[in-house]
PDB file of N, CA and C in Angstrom:
ATOM      1  N   MET A   1       7.962  14.370  -5.575  1.00  0.00           N
ATOM      2  CA  MET A   1       8.637  13.238  -5.055  1.00  0.00           C
ATOM      3  C   MET A   1       7.415  12.236  -5.350  1.00  0.00           C
ATOM      4  N   LEU A   2       7.066  11.096  -5.876  1.00  0.00           N
ATOM      5  CA  LEU A   2       6.248  10.288  -5.270  1.00  0.00           C
ATOM      6  C   LEU A   2       6.826   9.301  -4.502  1.00  0.00           C
ATOM      7  N   TYR A   3       6.210   9.494  -3.313  1.00  0.00           N
ATOM      8  CA  TYR A   3       6.725   8.439  -1.922  1.00  0.00           C
ATOM      9  C   TYR A   3       5.847   8.625  -0.894  1.00  0.00           C
ATOM     10  N   PRO A   4       5.203   7.726  -0.425  1.00  0.00           N
ATOM     11  CA  PRO A   4       4.463   7.357   0.494  1.00  0.00           C
ATOM     12  C   PRO A   4       4.983   8.208   2.128  1.00  0.00           C
ATOM     13  N   THR A   5       4.237   9.108   2.389  1.00  0.00           N
ATOM     14  CA  THR A   5       4.666   9.335   3.917  1.00  0.00           C
ATOM     15  C   THR A   5       4.064   8.904   4.976  1.00  0.00           C
ATOM     16  N   ASN A   6       3.898   9.371   6.236  1.00  0.00           N
ATOM     17  CA  ASN A   6       3.629   9.108   7.604  1.00  0.00           C
ATOM     18  C   ASN A   6       3.643   7.683   7.603  1.00  0.00           C
ATOM     19  N   LEU A   7       4.847   6.788   7.727  1.00  0.00           N
ATOM     20  CA  LEU A   7       5.127   5.333   7.202  1.00  0.00           C
ATOM     21  C   LEU A   7       4.757   4.463   8.772  1.00  0.00           C
ATOM     22  N   GLN A   8       4.005   3.364   8.850  1.00  0.00           N
ATOM     23  CA  GLN A   8       4.286   2.333   9.954  1.00  0.00           C
ATOM     24  C   GLN A   8       5.755   2.128  10.231  1.00  0.00           C
ATOM     25  N   PRO A   9       6.405   1.885  11.318  1.00  0.00           N
ATOM     26  CA  PRO A   9       7.662   1.418  11.582  1.00  0.00           C
ATOM     27  C   PRO A   9       8.241   0.402  10.425  1.00  0.00           C
ATOM     28  N   TRP A  10       7.322  -0.878  10.738  1.00  0.00           N
ATOM     29  CA  TRP A  10       7.783  -2.012   9.538  1.00  0.00           C
ATOM     30  C   TRP A  10       8.324  -1.323   8.363  1.00  0.00           C
ATOM     31  N   TYR A  11       7.880  -0.201   7.785  1.00  0.00           N
ATOM     32  CA  TYR A  11       7.872   0.076   6.203  1.00  0.00           C
ATOM     33  C   TYR A  11       9.294   0.593   6.281  1.00  0.00           C
ATOM     34  N   GLN A  12       9.879   1.558   7.016  1.00  0.00           N
ATOM     35  CA  GLN A  12      10.773   2.313   7.336  1.00  0.00           C
ATOM     36  C   GLN A  12      12.280   1.573   6.913  1.00  0.00           C
ATOM     37  N   GLY A  13      12.924   2.669   5.989  1.00  0.00           N
ATOM     38  CA  GLY A  13      13.657   1.793   5.264  1.00  0.00           C
ATOM     39  C   GLY A  13      14.172   0.546   4.321  1.00  0.00           C
ATOM     40  N   ILE A  14      12.731   0.742   3.846  1.00  0.00           N
ATOM     41  CA  ILE A  14      12.314  -0.457   2.699  1.00  0.00           C
ATOM     42  C   ILE A  14      12.370   0.386   1.541  1.00  0.00           C
ATOM     43  N   ASP A  15      12.661   0.180   0.112  1.00  0.00           N
ATOM     44  CA  ASP A  15      12.367   0.912  -0.888  1.00  0.00           C
ATOM     45  C   ASP A  15      11.152   0.073  -1.515  1.00  0.00           C
ATOM     46  N   LEU A  16      10.012   1.092  -0.714  1.00  0.00           N
ATOM     47  CA  LEU A  16       8.633   0.606  -1.402  1.00  0.00           C
ATOM     48  C   LEU A  16       8.292   0.651  -3.071  1.00  0.00           C
ATOM     49  N   MET A  17       9.394   1.844  -3.724  1.00  0.00           N
ATOM     50  CA  MET A  17       8.837   1.577  -4.842  1.00  0.00           C
ATOM     51  C   MET A  17       9.367   1.051  -5.984  1.00  0.00           C
ATOM     52  N   ARG A  18      10.355  -0.014  -5.363  1.00  0.00           N
ATOM     53  CA  ARG A  18      11.596  -0.741  -6.422  1.00  0.00           C
ATOM     54  C   ARG A  18      10.555  -1.595  -7.261  1.00  0.00           C
ATOM     55  N   GLU A  19       9.437  -2.400  -6.961  1.00  0.00           N
ATOM     56  CA  GLU A  19       9.082  -3.385  -7.664  1.00  0.00           C
ATOM     57  C   GLU A  19       7.354  -2.856  -8.137  1.00  0.00           C
ATOM     58  N   GLY A  20       7.286  -1.244  -8.200  1.00  0.00           N
ATOM     59  CA  GLY A  20       6.351  -0.749  -8.818  1.00  0.00           C
ATOM     60  C   GLY A  20       4.891  -0.661  -8.111  1.00  0.00           C
ATOM     61  N   LEU A  21       3.870  -0.126  -8.515  1.00  0.00           N
ATOM     62  CA  LEU A  21       2.732   0.219  -8.053  1.00  0.00           C
ATOM     63  C   LEU A  21       1.523  -0.243  -8.703  1.00  0.00           C
ATOM     64  N   VAL A  22       0.568  -0.780  -7.921  1.00  0.00           N
ATOM     65  CA  VAL A  22      -0.809  -1.555  -8.374  1.00  0.00           C
ATOM     66  C   VAL A  22      -2.305  -0.593  -7.748  1.00  0.00           C
ATOM     67  N   THR A  23      -3.122  -1.120  -8.530  1.00  0.00           N
ATOM     68  CA  THR A  23      -4.076  -0.510  -7.950  1.00  0.00           C
ATOM     69  C   THR A  23      -5.010  -0.823  -6.846  1.00  0.00           C
ATOM     70  N   SER A  24      -5.781  -0.546  -6.265  1.00  0.00           N
ATOM     71  CA  SER A  24      -6.800  -0.857  -4.665  1.00  0.00           C
ATOM     72  C   SER A  24      -7.156  -2.281  -5.432  1.00  0.00           C
ATOM     73  N   LYS A  25      -7.850  -2.277  -6.606  1.00  0.00           N
ATOM     74  CA  LYS A  25      -8.550  -3.254  -7.097  1.00  0.00           C
ATOM     75  C   LYS A  25      -7.185  -4.539  -7.008  1.00  0.00           C
ATOM     76  N   GLU A  26      -6.306  -4.248  -7.532  1.00  0.00           N
ATOM     77  CA  GLU A  26      -5.391  -5.178  -7.699  1.00  0.00           C
ATOM     78  C   GLU A  26      -4.792  -5.494  -6.376  1.00  0.00           C
ATOM     79  N   ALA A  27      -4.319  -4.535  -5.456  1.00  0.00           N
ATOM     80  CA  ALA A  27      -4.290  -5.101  -3.914  1.00  0.00           C
ATOM     81  C   ALA A  27      -5.482  -5.904  -3.528  1.00  0.00           C
ATOM     82  N   ALA A  28      -6.349  -5.601  -3.508  1.00  0.00           N
ATOM     83  CA  ALA A  28      -7.461  -6.377  -3.173  1.00  0.00           C
ATOM     84  C   ALA A  28      -7.416  -7.925  -3.607  1.00  0.00           C
ATOM     85  N   LYS A  29      -7.143  -8.090  -4.614  1.00  0.00           N
ATOM     86  CA  LYS A  29      -7.225  -9.251  -5.187  1.00  0.00           C
ATOM     87  C   LYS A  29      -5.926 -10.268  -4.792  1.00  0.00           C
ATOM     88  N   PHE A  30      -4.629  -9.633  -4.874  1.00  0.00           N
ATOM     89  CA  PHE A  30      -3.707 -10.182  -4.456  1.00  0.00           C
ATOM     90  C   PHE A  30      -3.619 -10.509  -2.899  1.00  0.00           C
ATOM     91  N   LEU A  31      -4.566  -9.544  -1.999  1.00  0.00           N
ATOM     92  CA  LEU A  31      -4.705 -10.153  -0.285  1.00  0.00           C
ATOM     93  C   LEU A  31      -5.746 -10.598  -0.160  1.00  0.00           C
ATOM     94  N   ALA A  32      -6.534 -11.019  -1.194  1.00  0.00           N
ATOM     95  CA  ALA A  32      -7.902 -11.621  -1.003  1.00  0.00           C
ATOM     96  C   ALA A  32      -9.275 -11.320  -0.143  1.00  0.00           C
ATOM     97  N   ILE A  33      -8.976  -9.855  -0.003  1.00  0.00           N
ATOM     98  CA  ILE A  33      -9.848  -8.916   1.040  1.00  0.00           C
ATOM     99  C   ILE A  33     -10.569  -7.886  -0.062  1.00  0.00           C
ATOM    100  N   SER A  34     -11.581  -7.582   0.326  1.00  0.00           N
ATOM    101  CA  SER A  34     -12.296  -6.369  -0.520  1.00  0.00           C
ATOM    102  C   SER A  34     -11.536  -5.102  -0.383  1.00  0.00           C
ATOM    103  N   ARG A  35     -11.826  -4.451  -1.414  1.00  0.00           N
ATOM    104  CA  ARG A  35     -11.187  -3.165  -1.729  1.00  0.00           C
ATOM    105  C   ARG A  35     -11.743  -2.132  -0.333  1.00  0.00           C
ATOM    106  N   THR A  36     -12.740  -2.287  -0.055  1.00  0.00           N
ATOM    107  CA  THR A  36     -13.178  -1.344   1.201  1.00  0.00           C
ATOM    108  C   THR A  36     -12.209  -1.860   2.361  1.00  0.00           C
ATOM    109  N   LYS A  37     -11.675  -3.294   2.838  1.00  0.00           N
ATOM    110  CA  LYS A  37     -10.614  -3.260   3.363  1.00  0.00           C
ATOM    111  C   LYS A  37      -9.385  -2.589   2.973  1.00  0.00           C
ATOM    112  N   ILE A  38      -8.950  -2.599   1.831  1.00  0.00           N
ATOM    113  CA  ILE A  38      -7.965  -1.717   1.317  1.00  0.00           C
ATOM    114  C   ILE A  38      -7.960  -0.550   1.795  1.00  0.00           C
ATOM    115  N   TYR A  39      -9.228   0.194   1.478  1.00  0.00           N
ATOM    116  CA  TYR A  39      -9.391   1.740   1.749  1.00  0.00           C
ATOM    117  C   TYR A  39      -9.117   2.042   2.972  1.00  0.00           C
ATOM    118  N   GLU A  40      -9.854   1.129   4.062  1.00  0.00           N
ATOM    119  CA  GLU A  40      -9.813   0.782   5.688  1.00  0.00           C
ATOM    120  C   GLU A  40      -8.167   1.141   5.784  1.00  0.00           C
ATOM    121  N   ALA A  41      -7.501  -0.043   5.809  1.00  0.00           N
ATOM    122  CA  ALA A  41      -5.779  -0.044   5.757  1.00  0.00           C
ATOM    123  C   ALA A  41      -5.152   1.543   5.065  1.00  0.00           C
ATOM    124  N   MET A  42      -5.315   1.762   4.017  1.00  0.00           N
ATOM    125  CA  MET A  42      -4.713   2.966   3.269  1.00  0.00           C
ATOM    126  C   MET A  42      -5.116   4.211   4.478  1.00  0.00           C
ATOM    127  N   SER A  43      -6.258   4.186   5.022  1.00  0.00           N
ATOM    128  CA  SER A  43      -6.828   5.425   5.724  1.00  0.00           C
ATOM    129  C   SER A  43      -5.787   5.266   6.924  1.00  0.00           C
ATOM    130  N   SER A  44      -6.095   4.070   7.670  1.00  0.00           N
ATOM    131  CA  SER A  44      -5.466   3.827   9.116  1.00  0.00           C
ATOM    132  C   SER A  44      -3.837   4.355   9.149  1.00  0.00           C
ATOM    133  N   GLY A  45      -3.194   4.099   7.678  1.00  0.00           N
ATOM    134  CA  GLY A  45      -2.207   4.449   8.026  1.00  0.00           C
ATOM    135  C   GLY A  45      -1.038   2.863   7.970  1.00  0.00           C
ATOM    136  N   ASP A  46      -1.951   2.330   7.737  1.00  0.00           N
ATOM    137  CA  ASP A  46      -1.339   0.551   7.850  1.00  0.00           C
ATOM    138  C   ASP A  46      -0.573   0.054   6.499  1.00  0.00           C
ATOM    139  N   LEU A  47      -1.572   0.746   5.421  1.00  0.00           N
ATOM    140  CA  LEU A  47      -0.801   0.697   3.958  1.00  0.00           C
ATOM    141  C   LEU A  47      -0.750   1.456   3.384  1.00  0.00           C
ATOM    142  N   PRO A  48       0.799   1.718   3.249  1.00  0.00           N
ATOM    143  CA  PRO A  48       1.261   3.146   1.896  1.00  0.00           C
ATOM    144  C   PRO A  48       0.617   3.164   0.693  1.00  0.00           C
ATOM    145  N   PHE A  49       0.340   4.393   0.244  1.00  0.00           N
ATOM    146  CA  PHE A  49       0.146   4.504  -0.994  1.00  0.00           C
ATOM    147  C   PHE A  49       0.563   5.815  -1.213  1.00  0.00           C
ATOM    148  N   VAL A  50       0.737   5.899  -2.655  1.00  0.00           N
ATOM    149  CA  VAL A  50       0.887   7.374  -3.294  1.00  0.00           C
ATOM    150  C   VAL A  50      -0.726   7.934  -4.286  1.00  0.00           C
ATOM    151  N   LYS A  51      -0.669   9.267  -4.234  1.00  0.00           N
ATOM    152  CA  LYS A  51      -1.754   9.690  -4.950  1.00  0.00           C
ATOM    153  C   LYS A  51      -1.206  10.226  -6.294  1.00  0.00           C
ATOM    154  N   LEU A  52      -1.446   9.752  -7.268  1.00  0.00           N
ATOM    155  CA  LEU A  52      -1.497   9.911  -8.661  1.00  0.00           C
ATOM    156  C   LEU A  52      -2.732  10.696  -9.655  1.00  0.00           C
ATOM    157  N   GLY A  53      -2.668  12.510  -9.482  1.00  0.00           N
ATOM    158  CA  GLY A  53      -4.048  12.596  -9.877  1.00  0.00           C
ATOM    159  C   GLY A  53      -5.111  12.374  -8.530  1.00  0.00           C
ATOM    160  N   LYS A  54      -6.197  11.687  -9.128  1.00  0.00           N
ATOM    161  CA  LYS A  54      -7.205  11.390  -7.965  1.00  0.00           C
ATOM    162  C   LYS A  54      -7.275   9.910  -7.625  1.00  0.00           C
ATOM    163  N   THR A  55      -5.935   9.079  -8.156  1.00  0.00           N
ATOM    164  CA  THR A  55      -6.449   7.850  -8.233  1.00  0.00           C
ATOM    165  C   THR A  55      -5.156   7.723  -7.101  1.00  0.00           C
ATOM    166  N   ARG A  56      -5.273   6.604  -6.826  1.00  0.00           N
ATOM    167  CA  ARG A  56      -4.252   5.817  -5.562  1.00  0.00           C
ATOM    168  C   ARG A  56      -3.921   4.690  -5.728  1.00  0.00           C
ATOM    169  N   ARG A  57      -2.377   4.590  -6.044  1.00  0.00           N
ATOM    170  CA  ARG A  57      -1.622   3.488  -5.969  1.00  0.00           C
ATOM    171  C   ARG A  57      -0.926   2.870  -4.863  1.00  0.00           C
ATOM    172  N   ILE A  58      -0.614   1.408  -4.535  1.00  0.00           N
ATOM    173  CA  ILE A  58      -0.065   1.092  -3.419  1.00  0.00           C
ATOM    174  C   ILE A  58       1.387  -0.104  -4.125  1.00  0.00           C
ATOM    175  N   PRO A  59       2.271   0.494  -3.337  1.00  0.00           N
ATOM    176  CA  PRO A  59       3.712  -0.317  -3.542  1.00  0.00           C
ATOM    177  C   PRO A  59       3.444  -1.584  -3.711  1.00  0.00           C
ATOM    178  N   LYS A  60       3.691  -2.423  -4.356  1.00  0.00           N
ATOM    179  CA  LYS A  60       3.695  -3.796  -4.387  1.00  0.00           C
ATOM    180  C   LYS A  60       4.443  -4.527  -3.394  1.00  0.00           C
ATOM    181  N   VAL A  61       5.415  -4.044  -2.925  1.00  0.00           N
ATOM    182  CA  VAL A  61       6.304  -4.544  -1.730  1.00  0.00           C
ATOM    183  C   VAL A  61       5.634  -4.358  -0.390  1.00  0.00           C
ATOM    184  N   ALA A  62       4.885  -3.522  -0.071  1.00  0.00           N
ATOM    185  CA  ALA A  62       4.224  -2.822   0.793  1.00  0.00           C
ATOM    186  C   ALA A  62       3.001  -3.920   0.739  1.00  0.00           C
ATOM    187  N   LEU A  63       2.680  -4.784   0.061  1.00  0.00           N
ATOM    188  CA  LEU A  63       1.274  -5.704   0.089  1.00  0.00           C
ATOM    189  C   LEU A  63       1.699  -7.004   0.940  1.00  0.00           C
ATOM    190  N   ARG A  64       3.271  -7.045   0.607  1.00  0.00           N
ATOM    191  CA  ARG A  64       3.493  -8.451   1.364  1.00  0.00           C
ATOM    192  C   ARG A  64       4.229  -7.930   2.353  1.00  0.00           C
ATOM    193  N   ILE A  65       4.562  -6.994   2.665  1.00  0.00           N
ATOM    194  CA  ILE A  65       4.842  -6.529   4.224  1.00  0.00           C
ATOM    195  C   ILE A  65       3.546  -6.528   5.052  1.00  0.00           C
ATOM    196  N   TYR A  66       2.669  -6.095   4.306  1.00  0.00           N
ATOM    197  CA  TYR A  66       1.290  -5.844   5.058  1.00  0.00           C
ATOM    198  C   TYR A  66       0.639  -7.199   5.380  1.00  0.00           C
ATOM    199  N   ALA A  67       0.970  -8.016   4.559  1.00  0.00           N
ATOM    200  CA  ALA A  67       0.508  -9.366   4.918  1.00  0.00           C
ATOM    201  C   ALA A  67       1.147 -10.009   5.932  1.00  0.00           C
ATOM    202  N   GLU A  68       2.433  -9.663   6.352  1.00  0.00           N
ATOM    203  CA  GLU A  68       3.077 -10.483   7.288  1.00  0.00           C
ATOM    204  C   GLU A  68       2.937  -9.751   8.204  1.00  0.00           C
ATOM    205  N   GLN A  69       2.597  -8.535   8.137  1.00  0.00           N
ATOM    206  CA  GLN A  69       2.075  -8.018   9.623  1.00  0.00           C
ATOM    207  C   GLN A  69       0.854  -8.667  10.343  1.00  0.00           C
ATOM    208  N   GLY A  70       0.059  -8.905   9.012  1.00  0.00           N
ATOM    209  CA  GLY A  70      -0.998  -9.567   9.866  1.00  0.00           C
ATOM    210  C   GLY A  70      -2.231  -8.626  10.349  1.00  0.00           C
TER     211      GLY A  70
END
Protein backbone atom coordinates (compact mmCIF):
# COMPACT_ATOMS: atom_id res chain seq x y z
CA MET A 1 0.00 0.00 0.00
CA LEU A 2 1.28 3.44 -0.88
CA TYR A 3 1.13 5.74 2.11
CA PRO A 4 3.69 7.98 3.75
CA THR A 5 5.13 6.68 7.02
CA ASN A 6 6.90 8.36 9.94
CA LEU A 7 4.68 11.44 9.72
CA GLN A 8 5.12 14.64 11.67
CA PRO A 9 2.29 15.29 14.16
CA TRP A 10 0.65 17.93 11.97
CA TYR A 11 -0.05 15.29 9.30
CA GLN A 12 -1.68 12.78 11.67
CA GLY A 13 -5.33 12.10 10.92
CA ILE A 14 -5.20 13.75 7.48
CA ASP A 15 -6.04 11.79 4.34
CA LEU A 16 -2.89 12.73 2.46
CA MET A 17 -3.80 10.78 -0.66
CA ARG A 18 -7.20 12.37 -1.29
CA GLU A 19 -5.95 15.02 -3.74
CA GLY A 20 -3.29 13.00 -5.50
CA LEU A 21 0.46 13.27 -5.83
CA VAL A 22 2.94 15.63 -7.47
CA THR A 23 6.58 15.41 -8.48
CA SER A 24 9.34 17.20 -6.61
CA LYS A 25 9.59 19.67 -9.50
CA GLU A 26 5.86 20.48 -9.26
CA ALA A 27 6.13 20.77 -5.46
CA ALA A 28 9.06 23.18 -5.75
CA LYS A 29 7.15 25.33 -8.21
CA PHE A 30 4.03 25.35 -5.99
CA LEU A 31 6.01 26.38 -2.90
CA ALA A 32 8.35 28.68 -4.84
CA ILE A 33 11.44 27.00 -3.41
CA SER A 34 14.24 24.96 -4.94
CA ARG A 35 14.07 21.22 -5.53
CA THR A 36 17.02 20.92 -3.17
CA LYS A 37 14.87 22.38 -0.37
CA ILE A 38 12.09 19.93 -1.27
CA TYR A 39 14.50 17.00 -0.95
CA GLU A 40 15.83 18.38 2.34
CA ALA A 41 12.27 18.61 3.69
CA MET A 42 11.58 15.03 2.58
CA SER A 43 14.83 13.78 4.15
CA SER A 44 14.13 15.50 7.46
CA GLY A 45 10.60 14.08 7.60
CA ASP A 46 8.97 17.50 7.38
CA LEU A 47 7.41 16.71 4.00
CA PRO A 48 5.89 13.26 3.47
CA PHE A 49 6.36 11.35 0.24
CA VAL A 50 5.78 7.96 -1.32
CA LYS A 51 8.26 6.10 -3.49
CA LEU A 52 7.10 4.77 -6.83
CA GLY A 53 9.99 2.76 -8.12
CA LYS A 54 12.95 5.14 -8.07
CA THR A 55 10.82 8.29 -8.01
CA ARG A 56 9.25 10.15 -5.11
CA ARG A 57 5.81 11.70 -5.15
CA ILE A 58 4.47 14.20 -2.65
CA PRO A 59 0.81 14.42 -1.61
CA LYS A 60 -0.73 17.71 -2.80
CA VAL A 61 -2.48 18.31 0.51
CA ALA A 62 0.86 17.92 2.32
CA LEU A 63 2.25 20.90 0.41
CA ARG A 64 -0.44 23.21 1.82
CA ILE A 65 0.08 21.85 5.33
CA TYR A 66 3.86 22.22 4.99
CA ALA A 67 3.46 25.84 3.84
CA GLU A 68 1.16 26.59 6.79
CA GLN A 69 3.70 25.13 9.23
CA GLY A 70 6.31 27.53 7.91
